[in-house]
Amino acid sequence: MPRIHPELLAEGYLPHEVTEVWFPAVDLADVDVEVTEAAQTKMDAIWCHTSQNGEANGNRDWMFEQRVAPYLIQAGERAGCRYAERFHRVPVR
């Protein structure tokens, strides 16, 4: 955002231009990303949103097993790994 932060240009930081955007997807997914090593970090982030975890009644393992893992496992089966996430890639010109 050179108009908002012109000082970054002076420091040598050039604007970044994206060539594609990835959206979380299931049916239209065309990219599978293995997240096996990051699954617990993902759960850490989800667990921080306490207002969204009411149905777990404080049971983190239940939340992972019932709400998070099934999606990761299903995507992982398609990708040939334990856990994965699926995205739809949209090119940007």
N, C-alpha and C. Protein backbone atom coordinates (compact mmCIF):
# COMPACT_ATOMS: atom_id res chain seq x y z
N MET A 1 0.84 -1.18 0.00
CA MET A 1 0.00 0.00 0.00
C MET A 1 0.89 1.25 0.00
N PRO A 2 1.57 1.52 -1.12
CA PRO A 2 2.51 2.63 -1.14
C PRO A 2 1.89 3.99 -0.88
N ARG A 3 0.61 4.17 -1.18
CA ARG A 3 -0.02 5.48 -0.89
C ARG A 3 -0.29 5.65 0.60
N ILE A 4 -0.44 4.53 1.30
CA ILE A 4 -0.73 4.60 2.73
C ILE A 4 0.56 4.58 3.54
N HIS A 5 1.53 3.80 3.09
CA HIS A 5 2.80 3.67 3.80
C HIS A 5 3.98 3.98 2.88
N PRO A 6 4.11 5.23 2.43
CA PRO A 6 5.20 5.56 1.51
C PRO A 6 6.59 5.36 2.12
N GLU A 7 6.68 5.36 3.44
CA GLU A 7 7.97 5.17 4.08
C GLU A 7 8.55 3.78 3.81
N LEU A 8 7.69 2.81 3.53
CA LEU A 8 8.18 1.47 3.23
C LEU A 8 8.94 1.43 1.91
N LEU A 9 8.49 2.23 0.94
CA LEU A 9 9.22 2.32 -0.32
C LEU A 9 10.61 2.88 -0.08
N ALA A 10 10.68 3.88 0.77
CA ALA A 10 11.98 4.50 1.08
C ALA A 10 12.90 3.50 1.78
N GLU A 11 12.32 2.54 2.49
CA GLU A 11 13.13 1.51 3.17
C GLU A 11 13.46 0.34 2.25
N GLY A 12 13.00 0.41 1.00
CA GLY A 12 13.34 -0.62 0.03
C GLY A 12 12.31 -1.72 -0.13
N TYR A 13 11.14 -1.57 0.51
CA TYR A 13 10.10 -2.59 0.38
C TYR A 13 9.21 -2.26 -0.81
N LEU A 14 9.18 -3.16 -1.79
CA LEU A 14 8.36 -2.95 -2.97
C LEU A 14 6.98 -3.55 -2.76
N PRO A 15 5.96 -2.99 -3.43
CA PRO A 15 4.61 -3.55 -3.31
C PRO A 15 4.59 -5.01 -3.79
N HIS A 16 3.82 -5.81 -3.11
CA HIS A 16 3.67 -7.23 -3.48
C HIS A 16 2.44 -7.37 -4.36
N GLU A 17 2.56 -8.09 -5.43
CA GLU A 17 1.42 -8.35 -6.31
C GLU A 17 1.13 -9.84 -6.29
N VAL A 18 -0.09 -10.19 -5.96
CA VAL A 18 -0.47 -11.60 -5.91
C VAL A 18 -0.82 -12.08 -7.31
N THR A 19 -0.54 -13.34 -7.56
CA THR A 19 -0.88 -13.94 -8.84
C THR A 19 -2.06 -14.91 -8.73
N GLU A 20 -2.38 -15.29 -7.48
CA GLU A 20 -3.52 -16.17 -7.26
C GLU A 20 -3.98 -16.04 -5.81
N VAL A 21 -5.26 -16.36 -5.59
CA VAL A 21 -5.86 -16.35 -4.27
C VAL A 21 -6.44 -17.73 -4.03
N TRP A 22 -6.21 -18.29 -2.84
CA TRP A 22 -6.74 -19.60 -2.49
C TRP A 22 -7.88 -19.43 -1.50
N PHE A 23 -9.04 -20.00 -1.83
CA PHE A 23 -10.20 -19.97 -0.96
C PHE A 23 -10.44 -21.36 -0.38
N PRO A 24 -10.74 -21.46 0.92
CA PRO A 24 -11.10 -22.78 1.46
C PRO A 24 -12.27 -23.34 0.66
N ALA A 25 -12.19 -24.62 0.31
CA ALA A 25 -13.22 -25.19 -0.55
C ALA A 25 -13.34 -26.69 -0.30
N VAL A 26 -14.43 -27.24 -0.78
CA VAL A 26 -14.62 -28.68 -0.75
C VAL A 26 -14.94 -29.12 -2.18
N ASP A 27 -16.12 -28.76 -2.66
CA ASP A 27 -16.56 -29.22 -3.98
C ASP A 27 -15.73 -28.66 -5.12
N LEU A 28 -15.35 -27.40 -5.06
CA LEU A 28 -14.60 -26.78 -6.15
C LEU A 28 -13.09 -26.81 -5.92
N ALA A 29 -12.66 -27.55 -4.94
CA ALA A 29 -11.23 -27.56 -4.59
C ALA A 29 -10.39 -28.12 -5.74
N ASP A 30 -9.27 -27.44 -5.98
CA ASP A 30 -8.32 -27.93 -6.97
C ASP A 30 -6.89 -27.94 -6.43
N VAL A 31 -6.76 -27.67 -5.12
CA VAL A 31 -5.46 -27.71 -4.45
C VAL A 31 -5.63 -28.42 -3.11
N ASP A 32 -4.81 -29.43 -2.86
CA ASP A 32 -4.78 -30.12 -1.57
C ASP A 32 -3.43 -29.83 -0.92
N VAL A 33 -3.48 -29.42 0.35
CA VAL A 33 -2.26 -29.08 1.08
C VAL A 33 -2.17 -29.94 2.33
N GLU A 34 -1.08 -30.69 2.46
CA GLU A 34 -0.90 -31.50 3.67
C GLU A 34 -0.69 -30.59 4.86
N VAL A 35 -1.43 -30.84 5.94
CA VAL A 35 -1.31 -30.03 7.16
C VAL A 35 -1.08 -30.91 8.39
N THR A 36 -0.60 -32.14 8.16
CA THR A 36 -0.41 -33.08 9.26
C THR A 36 0.42 -32.48 10.39
N GLU A 37 1.55 -31.88 10.06
CA GLU A 37 2.42 -31.32 11.10
C GLU A 37 1.83 -30.07 11.75
N ALA A 38 0.89 -29.42 11.09
CA ALA A 38 0.31 -28.19 11.62
C ALA A 38 -1.07 -28.39 12.26
N ALA A 39 -1.56 -29.62 12.31
CA ALA A 39 -2.92 -29.86 12.79
C ALA A 39 -3.12 -29.37 14.23
N GLN A 40 -2.18 -29.62 15.10
CA GLN A 40 -2.35 -29.18 16.49
C GLN A 40 -2.20 -27.66 16.62
N THR A 41 -1.38 -27.06 15.79
CA THR A 41 -1.28 -25.59 15.78
C THR A 41 -2.60 -25.00 15.32
N LYS A 42 -3.21 -25.62 14.33
CA LYS A 42 -4.53 -25.19 13.86
C LYS A 42 -5.55 -25.30 15.00
N MET A 43 -5.49 -26.41 15.74
CA MET A 43 -6.41 -26.59 16.85
C MET A 43 -6.13 -25.55 17.94
N ASP A 44 -4.87 -25.22 18.19
CA ASP A 44 -4.54 -24.16 19.16
C ASP A 44 -5.24 -22.86 18.77
N ALA A 45 -5.18 -22.52 17.50
CA ALA A 45 -5.81 -21.28 17.03
C ALA A 45 -7.32 -21.34 17.17
N ILE A 46 -7.92 -22.46 16.81
CA ILE A 46 -9.38 -22.62 16.95
C ILE A 46 -9.78 -22.51 18.41
N TRP A 47 -9.02 -23.14 19.28
CA TRP A 47 -9.36 -23.17 20.70
C TRP A 47 -9.29 -21.78 21.34
N CYS A 48 -8.52 -20.87 20.76
CA CYS A 48 -8.43 -19.49 21.27
C CYS A 48 -9.76 -18.75 21.14
N HIS A 49 -10.60 -19.16 20.20
CA HIS A 49 -11.89 -18.50 19.97
C HIS A 49 -12.94 -19.11 20.90
N THR A 50 -12.86 -18.77 22.17
CA THR A 50 -13.71 -19.41 23.17
C THR A 50 -15.19 -19.23 22.89
N SER A 51 -15.58 -18.13 22.26
CA SER A 51 -17.00 -17.93 21.97
C SER A 51 -17.51 -18.93 20.93
N GLN A 52 -16.61 -19.58 20.20
CA GLN A 52 -17.01 -20.54 19.17
C GLN A 52 -16.92 -21.99 19.65
N ASN A 53 -16.49 -22.19 20.88
CA ASN A 53 -16.24 -23.54 21.37
C ASN A 53 -17.23 -24.02 22.43
N GLY A 54 -18.37 -23.37 22.53
CA GLY A 54 -19.34 -23.71 23.56
C GLY A 54 -19.81 -25.15 23.54
N GLU A 55 -20.03 -25.70 22.36
CA GLU A 55 -20.55 -27.06 22.28
C GLU A 55 -19.55 -28.09 22.78
N ALA A 56 -18.27 -27.72 22.88
CA ALA A 56 -17.25 -28.65 23.37
C ALA A 56 -17.23 -28.73 24.88
N ASN A 57 -17.90 -27.80 25.56
CA ASN A 57 -17.96 -27.79 27.02
C ASN A 57 -16.58 -27.92 27.66
N GLY A 58 -15.60 -27.22 27.08
CA GLY A 58 -14.25 -27.23 27.64
C GLY A 58 -13.42 -28.44 27.26
N ASN A 59 -13.95 -29.31 26.40
CA ASN A 59 -13.25 -30.53 26.02
C ASN A 59 -12.58 -30.34 24.66
N ARG A 60 -11.33 -29.96 24.69
CA ARG A 60 -10.56 -29.71 23.47
C ARG A 60 -10.47 -30.96 22.59
N ASP A 61 -10.24 -32.11 23.19
CA ASP A 61 -10.14 -33.34 22.41
C ASP A 61 -11.43 -33.63 21.66
N TRP A 62 -12.58 -33.40 22.32
CA TRP A 62 -13.86 -33.61 21.66
C TRP A 62 -13.98 -32.68 20.45
N MET A 63 -13.61 -31.42 20.65
CA MET A 63 -13.71 -30.44 19.56
C MET A 63 -12.87 -30.89 18.37
N PHE A 64 -11.64 -31.35 18.64
CA PHE A 64 -10.79 -31.79 17.54
C PHE A 64 -11.38 -33.02 16.85
N GLU A 65 -11.75 -34.01 17.63
CA GLU A 65 -12.23 -35.28 17.07
C GLU A 65 -13.56 -35.14 16.33
N GLN A 66 -14.45 -34.29 16.84
CA GLN A 66 -15.79 -34.18 16.27
C GLN A 66 -15.95 -33.08 15.23
N ARG A 67 -15.20 -32.00 15.35
CA ARG A 67 -15.43 -30.85 14.47
C ARG A 67 -14.27 -30.53 13.54
N VAL A 68 -13.05 -30.79 13.94
CA VAL A 68 -11.90 -30.38 13.13
C VAL A 68 -11.33 -31.57 12.34
N ALA A 69 -11.03 -32.65 13.02
CA ALA A 69 -10.36 -33.79 12.39
C ALA A 69 -11.14 -34.41 11.23
N PRO A 70 -12.47 -34.57 11.30
CA PRO A 70 -13.15 -35.24 10.18
C PRO A 70 -12.88 -34.57 8.82
N TYR A 71 -12.90 -33.25 8.79
CA TYR A 71 -12.62 -32.53 7.54
C TYR A 71 -11.18 -32.75 7.11
N LEU A 72 -10.25 -32.67 8.06
CA LEU A 72 -8.83 -32.85 7.75
C LEU A 72 -8.55 -34.26 7.26
N ILE A 73 -9.19 -35.25 7.88
CA ILE A 73 -8.99 -36.65 7.50
C ILE A 73 -9.54 -36.90 6.09
N GLN A 74 -10.73 -36.39 5.82
CA GLN A 74 -11.34 -36.58 4.50
C GLN A 74 -10.45 -35.97 3.41
N ALA A 75 -9.98 -34.76 3.65
CA ALA A 75 -9.09 -34.11 2.68
C ALA A 75 -7.77 -34.88 2.58
N GLY A 76 -7.28 -35.38 3.71
CA GLY A 76 -6.05 -36.15 3.72
C GLY A 76 -6.15 -37.42 2.91
N GLU A 77 -7.30 -38.07 2.96
CA GLU A 77 -7.49 -39.29 2.16
C GLU A 77 -7.36 -38.98 0.68
N ARG A 78 -7.88 -37.85 0.26
CA ARG A 78 -7.77 -37.45 -1.15
C ARG A 78 -6.34 -37.11 -1.52
N ALA A 79 -5.60 -36.52 -0.56
CA ALA A 79 -4.24 -36.06 -0.83
C ALA A 79 -3.18 -37.14 -0.56
N GLY A 80 -3.60 -38.25 0.05
CA GLY A 80 -2.65 -39.33 0.34
C GLY A 80 -1.80 -39.06 1.56
N CYS A 81 -2.38 -38.42 2.58
CA CYS A 81 -1.66 -38.13 3.82
C CYS A 81 -2.65 -38.20 4.98
N ARG A 82 -2.17 -37.97 6.19
CA ARG A 82 -3.05 -38.07 7.35
C ARG A 82 -4.06 -36.92 7.40
N TYR A 83 -3.58 -35.69 7.35
CA TYR A 83 -4.45 -34.52 7.41
C TYR A 83 -4.11 -33.57 6.26
N ALA A 84 -5.15 -33.00 5.64
CA ALA A 84 -4.95 -32.01 4.59
C ALA A 84 -6.09 -31.01 4.63
N GLU A 85 -5.90 -29.92 3.91
CA GLU A 85 -6.95 -28.94 3.70
C GLU A 85 -7.07 -28.73 2.21
N ARG A 86 -8.29 -28.38 1.78
CA ARG A 86 -8.57 -28.21 0.36
C ARG A 86 -8.90 -26.76 0.05
N PHE A 87 -8.43 -26.32 -1.12
CA PHE A 87 -8.62 -24.93 -1.54
C PHE A 87 -9.01 -24.88 -3.01
N HIS A 88 -9.66 -23.78 -3.37
CA HIS A 88 -9.95 -23.47 -4.77
C HIS A 88 -9.05 -22.30 -5.15
N ARG A 89 -8.23 -22.51 -6.16
CA ARG A 89 -7.26 -21.50 -6.60
C ARG A 89 -7.89 -20.63 -7.68
N VAL A 90 -7.78 -19.30 -7.48
CA VAL A 90 -8.30 -18.35 -8.45
C VAL A 90 -7.16 -17.45 -8.92
N PRO A 91 -6.81 -17.52 -10.21
CA PRO A 91 -5.74 -16.66 -10.72
C PRO A 91 -6.15 -15.19 -10.67
N VAL A 92 -5.20 -14.33 -10.42
CA VAL A 92 -5.42 -12.89 -10.40
C VAL A 92 -4.50 -12.27 -11.44
N ARG A 93 -5.02 -11.45 -12.28
CA ARG A 93 -4.20 -10.82 -13.32
C ARG A 93 -3.69 -9.49 -12.87
